């Protein structure tokens, strides 16, 4: 039987790992490098992180160990599936320098810039294919904070402009399929 100190240590380790996972997830969705290979590398390093939970979960006892294992199993499966998809689709696309994203337009707005990007998912039909509107703020050269403002499925062109009132105007032409 595990001592209470070891169980407390395992619980503390699990809480620290959970906080680190939440911060890593926030970084994946809120930070971008200007280099696509660095972005994919960060994701590939983050995705196997749930395996760090295995040892502390095994040090728990009783019902807490069972509940933690039930929560951890699908998290591990999903994480490894995403890692497999990233390694088989995103990584080769980056290494081959395939165009998966193209800037259509951008406007500087104070400390921020607003970007309109065409994006496609490597790997074919699974995933988004369209135009993304995002706000960026440079943190350091090569790294910026990003906030996705909108997404336009199946669009492949668009433009941004500043009108007389200082507002940013967005124009996304309707595709023939959506005009009916």
C-alpha atoms as a PDB file:
ATOM      1  CA  UNK A   1       0.000   0.000   0.000  1.00  0.00           C
ATOM      2  CA  UNK A   2       1.238   3.464  -0.937  1.00  0.00           C
ATOM      3  CA  UNK A   3       1.927   5.895   1.876  1.00  0.00           C
ATOM      4  CA  UNK A   4      -0.168   9.069   2.136  1.00  0.00           C
ATOM      5  CA  UNK A   5       2.967  11.119   1.354  1.00  0.00           C
ATOM      6  CA  UNK A   6       3.442   9.324  -1.971  1.00  0.00           C
ATOM      7  CA  UNK A   7      -0.250   9.817  -2.853  1.00  0.00           C
ATOM      8  CA  UNK A   8       0.008  13.538  -1.991  1.00  0.00           C
ATOM      9  CA  UNK A   9       3.148  13.754  -4.099  1.00  0.00           C
ATOM     10  CA  UNK A  10       1.361  12.062  -7.011  1.00  0.00           C
ATOM     11  CA  UNK A  11      -1.628  14.391  -6.646  1.00  0.00           C
ATOM     12  CA  UNK A  12       0.642  17.435  -6.532  1.00  0.00           C
ATOM     13  CA  UNK A  13       2.528  16.188  -9.612  1.00  0.00           C
ATOM     14  CA  UNK A  14      -0.765  15.664 -11.464  1.00  0.00           C
ATOM     15  CA  UNK A  15      -1.910  19.198 -10.630  1.00  0.00           C
ATOM     16  CA  UNK A  16       1.392  20.708 -11.803  1.00  0.00           C
ATOM     17  CA  UNK A  17       1.239  18.668 -15.022  1.00  0.00           C
ATOM     18  CA  UNK A  18      -2.380  19.729 -15.588  1.00  0.00           C
ATOM     19  CA  UNK A  19      -1.412  23.411 -15.246  1.00  0.00           C
ATOM     20  CA  UNK A  20       1.520  22.922 -17.632  1.00  0.00           C
ATOM     21  CA  UNK A  21      -0.807  21.176 -20.132  1.00  0.00           C
ATOM     22  CA  UNK A  22      -3.328  24.032 -19.993  1.00  0.00           C
ATOM     23  CA  UNK A  23      -0.536  26.580 -20.532  1.00  0.00           C
ATOM     24  CA  UNK A  24       0.859  24.531 -23.436  1.00  0.00           C
ATOM     25  CA  UNK A  25      -2.592  24.284 -25.005  1.00  0.00           C
ATOM     26  CA  UNK A  26      -3.042  28.054 -24.643  1.00  0.00           C
ATOM     27  CA  UNK A  27       0.364  28.599 -26.281  1.00  0.00           C
ATOM     28  CA  UNK A  28      -0.533  26.351 -29.224  1.00  0.00           C
ATOM     29  CA  UNK A  29      -3.707  28.335 -29.871  1.00  0.00           C
ATOM     30  CA  UNK A  30      -2.454  31.796 -28.968  1.00  0.00           C
ATOM     31  CA  UNK A  31       1.162  31.994 -30.126  1.00  0.00           C
ATOM     32  CA  UNK A  32       2.694  31.552 -33.574  1.00  0.00           C
ATOM     33  CA  UNK A  33       6.236  31.548 -34.859  1.00  0.00           C
ATOM     34  CA  UNK A  34       6.915  33.104 -38.241  1.00  0.00           C
ATOM     35  CA  UNK A  35       8.627  29.810 -39.171  1.00  0.00           C
ATOM     36  CA  UNK A  36       6.134  26.993 -39.921  1.00  0.00           C
ATOM     37  CA  UNK A  37       8.644  24.291 -38.928  1.00  0.00           C
ATOM     38  CA  UNK A  38       8.917  25.774 -35.421  1.00  0.00           C
ATOM     39  CA  UNK A  39       5.110  25.763 -35.088  1.00  0.00           C
ATOM     40  CA  UNK A  40       4.844  22.101 -36.109  1.00  0.00           C
ATOM     41  CA  UNK A  41       7.811  21.155 -33.899  1.00  0.00           C
ATOM     42  CA  UNK A  42       6.183  22.784 -30.862  1.00  0.00           C
ATOM     43  CA  UNK A  43       2.937  20.879 -31.517  1.00  0.00           C
ATOM     44  CA  UNK A  44       4.849  17.596 -31.963  1.00  0.00           C
ATOM     45  CA  UNK A  45       6.638  18.178 -28.649  1.00  0.00           C
ATOM     46  CA  UNK A  46       3.412  19.114 -26.838  1.00  0.00           C
ATOM     47  CA  UNK A  47       1.188  16.255 -28.033  1.00  0.00           C
ATOM     48  CA  UNK A  48       3.008  13.391 -26.249  1.00  0.00           C
ATOM     49  CA  UNK A  49       2.926  15.352 -22.940  1.00  0.00           C
ATOM     50  CA  UNK A  50      -0.091  13.405 -21.557  1.00  0.00           C
ATOM     51  CA  UNK A  51       2.185  10.362 -21.264  1.00  0.00           C
ATOM     52  CA  UNK A  52       3.824  12.213 -18.340  1.00  0.00           C
ATOM     53  CA  UNK A  53       0.575  11.632 -16.405  1.00  0.00           C
ATOM     54  CA  UNK A  54       0.909   7.818 -16.449  1.00  0.00           C
ATOM     55  CA  UNK A  55       3.404   7.383 -13.595  1.00  0.00           C
ATOM     56  CA  UNK A  56       1.652   9.766 -11.138  1.00  0.00           C
ATOM     57  CA  UNK A  57      -1.724   8.139 -11.912  1.00  0.00           C
ATOM     58  CA  UNK A  58      -0.260   4.704 -11.170  1.00  0.00           C
ATOM     59  CA  UNK A  59       0.991   5.992  -7.782  1.00  0.00           C
ATOM     60  CA  UNK A  60      -2.568   6.897  -6.736  1.00  0.00           C
ATOM     61  CA  UNK A  61      -4.715   4.341  -4.946  1.00  0.00           C
ATOM     62  CA  UNK A  62      -8.311   3.157  -4.820  1.00  0.00           C
ATOM     63  CA  UNK A  63     -11.128   4.882  -6.611  1.00  0.00           C
ATOM     64  CA  UNK A  64      -8.990   7.953  -7.383  1.00  0.00           C
ATOM     65  CA  UNK A  65      -6.595   5.788  -9.399  1.00  0.00           C
ATOM     66  CA  UNK A  66      -9.486   4.247 -11.381  1.00  0.00           C
ATOM     67  CA  UNK A  67     -11.125   7.613 -12.111  1.00  0.00           C
ATOM     68  CA  UNK A  68      -7.807   9.141 -13.174  1.00  0.00           C
ATOM     69  CA  UNK A  69      -7.077   6.150 -15.439  1.00  0.00           C
ATOM     70  CA  UNK A  70     -10.549   6.420 -17.021  1.00  0.00           C
ATOM     71  CA  UNK A  71      -9.952  10.129 -17.735  1.00  0.00           C
ATOM     72  CA  UNK A  72      -6.378   9.591 -18.908  1.00  0.00           C
ATOM     73  CA  UNK A  73      -7.029   6.738 -21.381  1.00  0.00           C
ATOM     74  CA  UNK A  74      -9.064   8.742 -23.945  1.00  0.00           C
ATOM     75  CA  UNK A  75      -6.755  11.745 -23.494  1.00  0.00           C
ATOM     76  CA  UNK A  76      -3.757   9.568 -24.365  1.00  0.00           C
ATOM     77  CA  UNK A  77      -5.548   8.023 -27.345  1.00  0.00           C
ATOM     78  CA  UNK A  78      -6.602  11.421 -28.706  1.00  0.00           C
ATOM     79  CA  UNK A  79      -3.153  12.879 -28.136  1.00  0.00           C
ATOM     80  CA  UNK A  80      -1.401  10.037 -29.929  1.00  0.00           C
ATOM     81  CA  UNK A  81      -3.912  10.160 -32.799  1.00  0.00           C
ATOM     82  CA  UNK A  82      -3.288  13.903 -33.219  1.00  0.00           C
ATOM     83  CA  UNK A  83       0.460  13.298 -33.071  1.00  0.00           C
ATOM     84  CA  UNK A  84       0.155  10.649 -35.779  1.00  0.00           C
ATOM     85  CA  UNK A  85      -1.878  13.013 -37.984  1.00  0.00           C
ATOM     86  CA  UNK A  86       0.570  15.892 -37.407  1.00  0.00           C
ATOM     87  CA  UNK A  87       3.613  13.723 -38.088  1.00  0.00           C
ATOM     88  CA  UNK A  88       2.085  12.160 -41.221  1.00  0.00           C
ATOM     89  CA  UNK A  89       0.480  15.257 -42.781  1.00  0.00           C
ATOM     90  CA  UNK A  90       1.761  18.549 -41.353  1.00  0.00           C
ATOM     91  CA  UNK A  91       5.416  17.645 -40.963  1.00  0.00           C
ATOM     92  CA  UNK A  92       5.914  16.407 -44.562  1.00  0.00           C
ATOM     93  CA  UNK A  93       4.037  19.464 -45.906  1.00  0.00           C
ATOM     94  CA  UNK A  94       6.345  21.796 -43.972  1.00  0.00           C
ATOM     95  CA  UNK A  95       9.475  19.877 -44.956  1.00  0.00           C
ATOM     96  CA  UNK A  96       8.449  19.960 -48.648  1.00  0.00           C
ATOM     97  CA  UNK A  97       7.617  23.678 -48.374  1.00  0.00           C
ATOM     98  CA  UNK A  98       4.091  23.144 -49.711  1.00  0.00           C
ATOM     99  CA  UNK A  99       1.875  26.200 -49.648  1.00  0.00           C
ATOM    100  CA  UNK A 100      -0.658  25.575 -46.889  1.00  0.00           C
ATOM    101  CA  UNK A 101      -1.204  29.248 -46.074  1.00  0.00           C
ATOM    102  CA  UNK A 102      -1.002  32.447 -48.093  1.00  0.00           C
ATOM    103  CA  UNK A 103      -1.517  36.006 -46.919  1.00  0.00           C
ATOM    104  CA  UNK A 104      -4.251  37.683 -48.951  1.00  0.00           C
ATOM    105  CA  UNK A 105      -4.210  41.072 -47.247  1.00  0.00           C
ATOM    106  CA  UNK A 106      -3.169  42.806 -44.050  1.00  0.00           C
ATOM    107  CA  UNK A 107      -3.694  46.122 -42.302  1.00  0.00           C
ATOM    108  CA  UNK A 108      -1.557  47.645 -39.542  1.00  0.00           C
ATOM    109  CA  UNK A 109      -3.732  48.875 -36.667  1.00  0.00           C
ATOM    110  CA  UNK A 110      -1.682  50.482 -33.870  1.00  0.00           C
ATOM    111  CA  UNK A 111       0.344  47.794 -32.095  1.00  0.00           C
ATOM    112  CA  UNK A 112      -1.617  45.117 -33.896  1.00  0.00           C
ATOM    113  CA  UNK A 113      -1.973  43.942 -37.433  1.00  0.00           C
ATOM    114  CA  UNK A 114      -5.040  42.348 -38.962  1.00  0.00           C
ATOM    115  CA  UNK A 115      -4.333  39.560 -41.456  1.00  0.00           C
ATOM    116  CA  UNK A 116      -6.514  37.801 -43.973  1.00  0.00           C
ATOM    117  CA  UNK A 117      -5.049  34.392 -44.828  1.00  0.00           C
ATOM    118  CA  UNK A 118      -6.030  31.581 -47.142  1.00  0.00           C
ATOM    119  CA  UNK A 119      -5.394  28.282 -45.354  1.00  0.00           C
ATOM    120  CA  UNK A 120      -5.594  24.659 -46.354  1.00  0.00           C
ATOM    121  CA  UNK A 121      -5.098  21.571 -44.254  1.00  0.00           C
ATOM    122  CA  UNK A 122      -2.432  19.140 -45.420  1.00  0.00           C
ATOM    123  CA  UNK A 123      -3.828  15.689 -45.917  1.00  0.00           C
ATOM    124  CA  UNK A 124      -6.705  16.454 -48.240  1.00  0.00           C
ATOM    125  CA  UNK A 125     -10.378  16.655 -47.453  1.00  0.00           C
ATOM    126  CA  UNK A 126     -10.168  16.389 -43.659  1.00  0.00           C
ATOM    127  CA  UNK A 127      -9.882  19.790 -42.019  1.00  0.00           C
ATOM    128  CA  UNK A 128     -10.444  23.441 -42.836  1.00  0.00           C
ATOM    129  CA  UNK A 129     -10.092  24.928 -46.298  1.00  0.00           C
ATOM    130  CA  UNK A 130     -10.872  28.612 -46.352  1.00  0.00           C
ATOM    131  CA  UNK A 131      -9.998  32.146 -45.344  1.00  0.00           C
ATOM    132  CA  UNK A 132      -9.018  33.133 -41.804  1.00  0.00           C
ATOM    133  CA  UNK A 133      -9.206  36.624 -40.342  1.00  0.00           C
ATOM    134  CA  UNK A 134      -6.779  37.022 -37.447  1.00  0.00           C
ATOM    135  CA  UNK A 135      -5.287  39.708 -35.249  1.00  0.00           C
ATOM    136  CA  UNK A 136      -1.562  39.592 -34.432  1.00  0.00           C
ATOM    137  CA  UNK A 137       0.720  41.358 -32.008  1.00  0.00           C
ATOM    138  CA  UNK A 138       4.481  40.853 -32.149  1.00  0.00           C
ATOM    139  CA  UNK A 139       5.958  39.731 -28.828  1.00  0.00           C
ATOM    140  CA  UNK A 140       9.555  39.306 -29.957  1.00  0.00           C
ATOM    141  CA  UNK A 141      10.943  39.087 -33.495  1.00  0.00           C
ATOM    142  CA  UNK A 142       9.728  35.811 -34.966  1.00  0.00           C
ATOM    143  CA  UNK A 143       6.982  35.179 -32.368  1.00  0.00           C
ATOM    144  CA  UNK A 144       3.575  36.810 -32.157  1.00  0.00           C
ATOM    145  CA  UNK A 145       0.359  36.579 -30.197  1.00  0.00           C
ATOM    146  CA  UNK A 146      -2.555  35.613 -32.411  1.00  0.00           C
ATOM    147  CA  UNK A 147      -6.328  35.817 -32.015  1.00  0.00           C
ATOM    148  CA  UNK A 148      -8.571  34.295 -34.658  1.00  0.00           C
ATOM    149  CA  UNK A 149     -11.404  36.712 -35.399  1.00  0.00           C
ATOM    150  CA  UNK A 150     -13.381  34.842 -38.063  1.00  0.00           C
ATOM    151  CA  UNK A 151     -13.243  31.966 -40.510  1.00  0.00           C
ATOM    152  CA  UNK A 152     -14.856  31.642 -43.938  1.00  0.00           C
ATOM    153  CA  UNK A 153     -15.201  28.019 -45.055  1.00  0.00           C
ATOM    154  CA  UNK A 154     -14.498  27.269 -48.743  1.00  0.00           C
ATOM    155  CA  UNK A 155     -13.488  30.865 -49.526  1.00  0.00           C
ATOM    156  CA  UNK A 156     -10.180  31.328 -51.329  1.00  0.00           C
ATOM    157  CA  UNK A 157      -9.857  35.088 -51.764  1.00  0.00           C
ATOM    158  CA  UNK A 158     -10.647  38.340 -50.009  1.00  0.00           C
ATOM    159  CA  UNK A 159      -9.305  41.757 -49.082  1.00  0.00           C
ATOM    160  CA  UNK A 160      -9.013  44.202 -46.199  1.00  0.00           C
ATOM    161  CA  UNK A 161      -9.113  47.993 -46.376  1.00  0.00           C
ATOM    162  CA  UNK A 162      -9.430  50.979 -44.056  1.00  0.00           C
ATOM    163  CA  UNK A 163     -12.372  53.300 -44.742  1.00  0.00           C
ATOM    164  CA  UNK A 164     -12.672  57.056 -44.089  1.00  0.00           C
ATOM    165  CA  UNK A 165     -13.947  56.524 -40.532  1.00  0.00           C
ATOM    166  CA  UNK A 166     -10.844  54.472 -39.677  1.00  0.00           C
ATOM    167  CA  UNK A 167     -12.725  51.175 -39.623  1.00  0.00           C
ATOM    168  CA  UNK A 168     -11.386  48.047 -41.229  1.00  0.00           C
ATOM    169  CA  UNK A 169     -13.532  46.691 -44.041  1.00  0.00           C
ATOM    170  CA  UNK A 170     -13.485  43.056 -45.043  1.00  0.00           C
ATOM    171  CA  UNK A 171     -14.558  41.807 -48.449  1.00  0.00           C
ATOM    172  CA  UNK A 172     -14.974  38.079 -49.135  1.00  0.00           C
ATOM    173  CA  UNK A 173     -16.490  37.351 -52.561  1.00  0.00           C
ATOM    174  CA  UNK A 174     -19.292  34.803 -52.527  1.00  0.00           C
ATOM    175  CA  UNK A 175     -18.433  31.553 -54.219  1.00  0.00           C
ATOM    176  CA  UNK A 176     -20.811  30.379 -56.981  1.00  0.00           C
ATOM    177  CA  UNK A 177     -21.943  27.463 -54.793  1.00  0.00           C
ATOM    178  CA  UNK A 178     -23.141  29.845 -52.058  1.00  0.00           C
ATOM    179  CA  UNK A 179     -24.986  32.274 -54.373  1.00  0.00           C
ATOM    180  CA  UNK A 180     -27.881  29.929 -55.027  1.00  0.00           C
END
